Amino acid sequence: MLFNERIKQLCEQCQLQQRKIAEALDIDTATYCKVEKCGRHVKTEQIAVWLADKVISAIMENK
């Protein structure tokens, strides 16, 4: 499965809004939509920020 397919699948499962994901990645919503729809490349730093936010959220939920 390609990255763009996987993030789209995960976002649908988690009912995440595209604008919220774009905000976490520090990109505009249009750019995120292009990533999700056609596999536009995302900078490694943007993925790292998004993953870090997810880890922090998970830790905060389990406190």
PDB file of N, CA and C in Angstrom:
ATOM      1  N   MET A   1       0.847  -1.181   0.000  1.00  0.00           N
ATOM      2  CA  MET A   1       0.000   0.000   0.000  1.00  0.00           C
ATOM      3  C   MET A   1       0.890   1.240   0.000  1.00  0.00           C
ATOM      4  N   LEU A   2       0.575   2.191  -0.826  1.00  0.00           N
ATOM      5  CA  LEU A   2       1.335   3.436  -0.911  1.00  0.00           C
ATOM      6  C   LEU A   2       1.030   4.333   0.284  1.00  0.00           C
ATOM      7  N   PHE A   3       1.965   5.239   0.580  1.00  0.00           N
ATOM      8  CA  PHE A   3       1.823   6.157   1.713  1.00  0.00           C
ATOM      9  C   PHE A   3       0.516   6.927   1.638  1.00  0.00           C
ATOM     10  N   ASN A   4       0.211   7.506   0.470  1.00  0.00           N
ATOM     11  CA  ASN A   4      -0.999   8.315   0.368  1.00  0.00           C
ATOM     12  C   ASN A   4      -2.256   7.480   0.582  1.00  0.00           C
ATOM     13  N   GLU A   5      -2.241   6.239   0.139  1.00  0.00           N
ATOM     14  CA  GLU A   5      -3.389   5.362   0.360  1.00  0.00           C
ATOM     15  C   GLU A   5      -3.540   5.038   1.842  1.00  0.00           C
ATOM     16  N   ARG A   6      -2.408   4.795   2.488  1.00  0.00           N
ATOM     17  CA  ARG A   6      -2.430   4.439   3.906  1.00  0.00           C
ATOM     18  C   ARG A   6      -2.902   5.594   4.779  1.00  0.00           C
ATOM     19  N   ILE A   7      -2.409   6.811   4.522  1.00  0.00           N
ATOM     20  CA  ILE A   7      -2.851   7.930   5.359  1.00  0.00           C
ATOM     21  C   ILE A   7      -4.323   8.218   5.135  1.00  0.00           C
ATOM     22  N   LYS A   8      -4.786   8.066   3.907  1.00  0.00           N
ATOM     23  CA  LYS A   8      -6.211   8.281   3.644  1.00  0.00           C
ATOM     24  C   LYS A   8      -7.041   7.251   4.413  1.00  0.00           C
ATOM     25  N   GLN A   9      -6.608   6.007   4.388  1.00  0.00           N
ATOM     26  CA  GLN A   9      -7.313   4.935   5.091  1.00  0.00           C
ATOM     27  C   GLN A   9      -7.339   5.218   6.598  1.00  0.00           C
ATOM     28  N   LEU A  10      -6.204   5.579   7.155  1.00  0.00           N
ATOM     29  CA  LEU A  10      -6.126   5.859   8.588  1.00  0.00           C
ATOM     30  C   LEU A  10      -6.981   7.057   8.988  1.00  0.00           C
ATOM     31  N   CYS A  11      -6.960   8.072   8.165  1.00  0.00           N
ATOM     32  CA  CYS A  11      -7.750   9.273   8.462  1.00  0.00           C
ATOM     33  C   CYS A  11      -9.237   8.960   8.447  1.00  0.00           C
ATOM     34  N   GLU A  12      -9.663   8.147   7.513  1.00  0.00           N
ATOM     35  CA  GLU A  12     -11.067   7.755   7.458  1.00  0.00           C
ATOM     36  C   GLU A  12     -11.436   6.919   8.674  1.00  0.00           C
ATOM     37  N   GLN A  13     -10.576   5.995   9.049  1.00  0.00           N
ATOM     38  CA  GLN A  13     -10.836   5.150  10.215  1.00  0.00           C
ATOM     39  C   GLN A  13     -10.931   5.974  11.495  1.00  0.00           C
ATOM     40  N   CYS A  14     -10.063   6.952  11.625  1.00  0.00           N
ATOM     41  CA  CYS A  14     -10.014   7.778  12.834  1.00  0.00           C
ATOM     42  C   CYS A  14     -10.915   9.005  12.742  1.00  0.00           C
ATOM     43  N   GLN A  15     -11.554   9.174  11.621  1.00  0.00           N
ATOM     44  CA  GLN A  15     -12.438  10.313  11.368  1.00  0.00           C
ATOM     45  C   GLN A  15     -11.727  11.646  11.598  1.00  0.00           C
ATOM     46  N   LEU A  16     -10.522  11.741  11.044  1.00  0.00           N
ATOM     47  CA  LEU A  16      -9.736  12.968  11.141  1.00  0.00           C
ATOM     48  C   LEU A  16     -10.034  13.867   9.950  1.00  0.00           C
ATOM     49  N   GLN A  17     -10.125  15.138  10.210  1.00  0.00           N
ATOM     50  CA  GLN A  17     -10.359  16.097   9.142  1.00  0.00           C
ATOM     51  C   GLN A  17      -9.044  16.449   8.455  1.00  0.00           C
ATOM     52  N   GLN A  18      -9.121  16.633   7.146  1.00  0.00           N
ATOM     53  CA  GLN A  18      -7.915  16.956   6.379  1.00  0.00           C
ATOM     54  C   GLN A  18      -7.264  18.229   6.885  1.00  0.00           C
ATOM     55  N   ARG A  19      -8.050  19.205   7.256  1.00  0.00           N
ATOM     56  CA  ARG A  19      -7.464  20.473   7.706  1.00  0.00           C
ATOM     57  C   ARG A  19      -6.695  20.312   9.011  1.00  0.00           C
ATOM     58  N   LYS A  20      -7.145  19.396   9.878  1.00  0.00           N
ATOM     59  CA  LYS A  20      -6.440  19.151  11.135  1.00  0.00           C
ATOM     60  C   LYS A  20      -5.099  18.464  10.884  1.00  0.00           C
ATOM     61  N   ILE A  21      -5.089  17.540   9.947  1.00  0.00           N
ATOM     62  CA  ILE A  21      -3.841  16.859   9.611  1.00  0.00           C
ATOM     63  C   ILE A  21      -2.881  17.835   8.956  1.00  0.00           C
ATOM     64  N   ALA A  22      -3.390  18.646   8.049  1.00  0.00           N
ATOM     65  CA  ALA A  22      -2.556  19.651   7.388  1.00  0.00           C
ATOM     66  C   ALA A  22      -1.953  20.605   8.414  1.00  0.00           C
ATOM     67  N   GLU A  23      -2.757  21.001   9.383  1.00  0.00           N
ATOM     68  CA  GLU A  23      -2.283  21.887  10.443  1.00  0.00           C
ATOM     69  C   GLU A  23      -1.154  21.229  11.238  1.00  0.00           C
ATOM     70  N   ALA A  24      -1.319  19.961  11.576  1.00  0.00           N
ATOM     71  CA  ALA A  24      -0.289  19.238  12.326  1.00  0.00           C
ATOM     72  C   ALA A  24       0.998  19.096  11.529  1.00  0.00           C
ATOM     73  N   LEU A  25       0.864  18.964  10.211  1.00  0.00           N
ATOM     74  CA  LEU A  25       2.036  18.842   9.342  1.00  0.00           C
ATOM     75  C   LEU A  25       2.626  20.190   8.955  1.00  0.00           C
ATOM     76  N   ASP A  26       1.949  21.257   9.360  1.00  0.00           N
ATOM     77  CA  ASP A  26       2.364  22.623   9.037  1.00  0.00           C
ATOM     78  C   ASP A  26       2.396  22.850   7.523  1.00  0.00           C
ATOM     79  N   ILE A  27       1.334  22.365   6.869  1.00  0.00           N
ATOM     80  CA  ILE A  27       1.144  22.614   5.440  1.00  0.00           C
ATOM     81  C   ILE A  27      -0.296  23.070   5.238  1.00  0.00           C
ATOM     82  N   ASP A  28      -0.573  23.671   4.095  1.00  0.00           N
ATOM     83  CA  ASP A  28      -1.950  24.082   3.874  1.00  0.00           C
ATOM     84  C   ASP A  28      -2.800  22.878   3.452  1.00  0.00           C
ATOM     85  N   THR A  29      -4.094  23.033   3.601  1.00  0.00           N
ATOM     86  CA  THR A  29      -5.019  21.933   3.333  1.00  0.00           C
ATOM     87  C   THR A  29      -4.937  21.475   1.886  1.00  0.00           C
ATOM     88  N   ALA A  30      -4.775  22.391   0.962  1.00  0.00           N
ATOM     89  CA  ALA A  30      -4.685  22.024  -0.459  1.00  0.00           C
ATOM     90  C   ALA A  30      -3.483  21.118  -0.714  1.00  0.00           C
ATOM     91  N   THR A  31      -2.371  21.426  -0.084  1.00  0.00           N
ATOM     92  CA  THR A  31      -1.180  20.590  -0.245  1.00  0.00           C
ATOM     93  C   THR A  31      -1.423  19.208   0.338  1.00  0.00           C
ATOM     94  N   TYR A  32      -2.035  19.162   1.511  1.00  0.00           N
ATOM     95  CA  TYR A  32      -2.327  17.863   2.112  1.00  0.00           C
ATOM     96  C   TYR A  32      -3.253  17.047   1.208  1.00  0.00           C
ATOM     97  N   CYS A  33      -4.255  17.682   0.646  1.00  0.00           N
ATOM     98  CA  CYS A  33      -5.179  16.976  -0.254  1.00  0.00           C
ATOM     99  C   CYS A  33      -4.429  16.371  -1.435  1.00  0.00           C
ATOM    100  N   LYS A  34      -3.456  17.112  -1.959  1.00  0.00           N
ATOM    101  CA  LYS A  34      -2.650  16.601  -3.065  1.00  0.00           C
ATOM    102  C   LYS A  34      -1.835  15.393  -2.623  1.00  0.00           C
ATOM    103  N   VAL A  35      -1.320  15.425  -1.397  1.00  0.00           N
ATOM    104  CA  VAL A  35      -0.567  14.290  -0.859  1.00  0.00           C
ATOM    105  C   VAL A  35      -1.486  13.073  -0.789  1.00  0.00           C
ATOM    106  N   GLU A  36      -2.665  13.281  -0.239  1.00  0.00           N
ATOM    107  CA  GLU A  36      -3.597  12.178  -0.038  1.00  0.00           C
ATOM    108  C   GLU A  36      -4.127  11.617  -1.355  1.00  0.00           C
ATOM    109  N   LYS A  37      -4.408  12.482  -2.303  1.00  0.00           N
ATOM    110  CA  LYS A  37      -5.033  12.042  -3.547  1.00  0.00           C
ATOM    111  C   LYS A  37      -4.037  11.510  -4.582  1.00  0.00           C
ATOM    112  N   CYS A  38      -2.889  12.157  -4.707  1.00  0.00           N
ATOM    113  CA  CYS A  38      -2.004  11.757  -5.801  1.00  0.00           C
ATOM    114  C   CYS A  38      -0.592  11.401  -5.350  1.00  0.00           C
ATOM    115  N   GLY A  39      -0.385  11.292  -4.057  1.00  0.00           N
ATOM    116  CA  GLY A  39       0.915  10.852  -3.586  1.00  0.00           C
ATOM    117  C   GLY A  39       2.010  11.890  -3.666  1.00  0.00           C
ATOM    118  N   ARG A  40       1.650  13.171  -3.658  1.00  0.00           N
ATOM    119  CA  ARG A  40       2.672  14.219  -3.668  1.00  0.00           C
ATOM    120  C   ARG A  40       3.635  13.986  -2.510  1.00  0.00           C
ATOM    121  N   HIS A  41       4.893  14.242  -2.737  1.00  0.00           N
ATOM    122  CA  HIS A  41       5.912  13.976  -1.720  1.00  0.00           C
ATOM    123  C   HIS A  41       5.770  14.918  -0.528  1.00  0.00           C
ATOM    124  N   VAL A  42       5.989  14.371   0.650  1.00  0.00           N
ATOM    125  CA  VAL A  42       5.953  15.121   1.896  1.00  0.00           C
ATOM    126  C   VAL A  42       7.360  15.106   2.477  1.00  0.00           C
ATOM    127  N   LYS A  43       7.757  16.221   3.037  1.00  0.00           N
ATOM    128  CA  LYS A  43       9.076  16.299   3.656  1.00  0.00           C
ATOM    129  C   LYS A  43       9.116  15.410   4.898  1.00  0.00           C
ATOM    130  N   THR A  44      10.251  14.797   5.121  1.00  0.00           N
ATOM    131  CA  THR A  44      10.442  13.926   6.272  1.00  0.00           C
ATOM    132  C   THR A  44      10.149  14.671   7.571  1.00  0.00           C
ATOM    133  N   GLU A  45      10.539  15.929   7.643  1.00  0.00           N
ATOM    134  CA  GLU A  45      10.313  16.721   8.850  1.00  0.00           C
ATOM    135  C   GLU A  45       8.826  16.851   9.145  1.00  0.00           C
ATOM    136  N   GLN A  46       8.014  16.985   8.097  1.00  0.00           N
ATOM    137  CA  GLN A  46       6.574  17.127   8.289  1.00  0.00           C
ATOM    138  C   GLN A  46       5.976  15.846   8.852  1.00  0.00           C
ATOM    139  N   ILE A  47       6.432  14.717   8.363  1.00  0.00           N
ATOM    140  CA  ILE A  47       5.951  13.433   8.880  1.00  0.00           C
ATOM    141  C   ILE A  47       6.384  13.279  10.328  1.00  0.00           C
ATOM    142  N   ALA A  48       7.613  13.666  10.637  1.00  0.00           N
ATOM    143  CA  ALA A  48       8.122  13.545  12.003  1.00  0.00           C
ATOM    144  C   ALA A  48       7.294  14.393  12.964  1.00  0.00           C
ATOM    145  N   VAL A  49       6.937  15.597  12.568  1.00  0.00           N
ATOM    146  CA  VAL A  49       6.110  16.465  13.419  1.00  0.00           C
ATOM    147  C   VAL A  49       4.756  15.819  13.656  1.00  0.00           C
ATOM    148  N   TRP A  50       4.167  15.305  12.612  1.00  0.00           N
ATOM    149  CA  TRP A  50       2.859  14.671  12.735  1.00  0.00           C
ATOM    150  C   TRP A  50       2.929  13.466  13.675  1.00  0.00           C
ATOM    151  N   LEU A  51       3.956  12.639  13.503  1.00  0.00           N
ATOM    152  CA  LEU A  51       4.106  11.470  14.364  1.00  0.00           C
ATOM    153  C   LEU A  51       4.356  11.876  15.810  1.00  0.00           C
ATOM    154  N   ALA A  52       5.154  12.890  16.017  1.00  0.00           N
ATOM    155  CA  ALA A  52       5.422  13.361  17.374  1.00  0.00           C
ATOM    156  C   ALA A  52       4.136  13.837  18.036  1.00  0.00           C
ATOM    157  N   ASP A  53       3.306  14.556  17.307  1.00  0.00           N
ATOM    158  CA  ASP A  53       2.028  15.012  17.841  1.00  0.00           C
ATOM    159  C   ASP A  53       1.139  13.832  18.220  1.00  0.00           C
ATOM    160  N   LYS A  54       1.148  12.787  17.398  1.00  0.00           N
ATOM    161  CA  LYS A  54       0.344  11.601  17.686  1.00  0.00           C
ATOM    162  C   LYS A  54       0.836  10.909  18.952  1.00  0.00           C
ATOM    163  N   VAL A  55       2.144  10.810  19.121  1.00  0.00           N
ATOM    164  CA  VAL A  55       2.707  10.165  20.308  1.00  0.00           C
ATOM    165  C   VAL A  55       2.335  10.970  21.555  1.00  0.00           C
ATOM    166  N   ILE A  56       2.493  12.279  21.482  1.00  0.00           N
ATOM    167  CA  ILE A  56       2.158  13.128  22.621  1.00  0.00           C
ATOM    168  C   ILE A  56       0.684  12.994  22.982  1.00  0.00           C
ATOM    169  N   SER A  57      -0.175  12.987  21.976  1.00  0.00           N
ATOM    170  CA  SER A  57      -1.617  12.824  22.220  1.00  0.00           C
ATOM    171  C   SER A  57      -1.912  11.500  22.899  1.00  0.00           C
ATOM    172  N   ALA A  58      -1.290  10.436  22.442  1.00  0.00           N
ATOM    173  CA  ALA A  58      -1.505   9.117  23.026  1.00  0.00           C
ATOM    174  C   ALA A  58      -1.037   9.089  24.479  1.00  0.00           C
ATOM    175  N   ILE A  59       0.089   9.706  24.766  1.00  0.00           N
ATOM    176  CA  ILE A  59       0.608   9.754  26.137  1.00  0.00           C
ATOM    177  C   ILE A  59      -0.347  10.550  27.030  1.00  0.00           C
ATOM    178  N   MET A  60      -0.805  11.679  26.542  1.00  0.00           N
ATOM    179  CA  MET A  60      -1.706  12.512  27.331  1.00  0.00           C
ATOM    180  C   MET A  60      -3.029  11.813  27.628  1.00  0.00           C
ATOM    181  N   GLU A  61      -3.519  11.032  26.685  1.00  0.00           N
ATOM    182  CA  GLU A  61      -4.770  10.309  26.872  1.00  0.00           C
ATOM    183  C   GLU A  61      -4.632   9.225  27.920  1.00  0.00           C
ATOM    184  N   ASN A  62      -3.430   8.657  28.075  1.00  0.00           N
ATOM    185  CA  ASN A  62      -3.209   7.553  29.006  1.00  0.00           C
ATOM    186  C   ASN A  62      -2.744   7.991  30.381  1.00  0.00           C
ATOM    187  N   LYS A  63      -2.715   9.276  30.641  1.00  0.00           N
ATOM    188  CA  LYS A  63      -2.291   9.767  31.970  1.00  0.00           C
ATOM    189  C   LYS A  63      -3.373   9.536  32.981  1.00  0.00           C
TER     190      LYS A  63
END
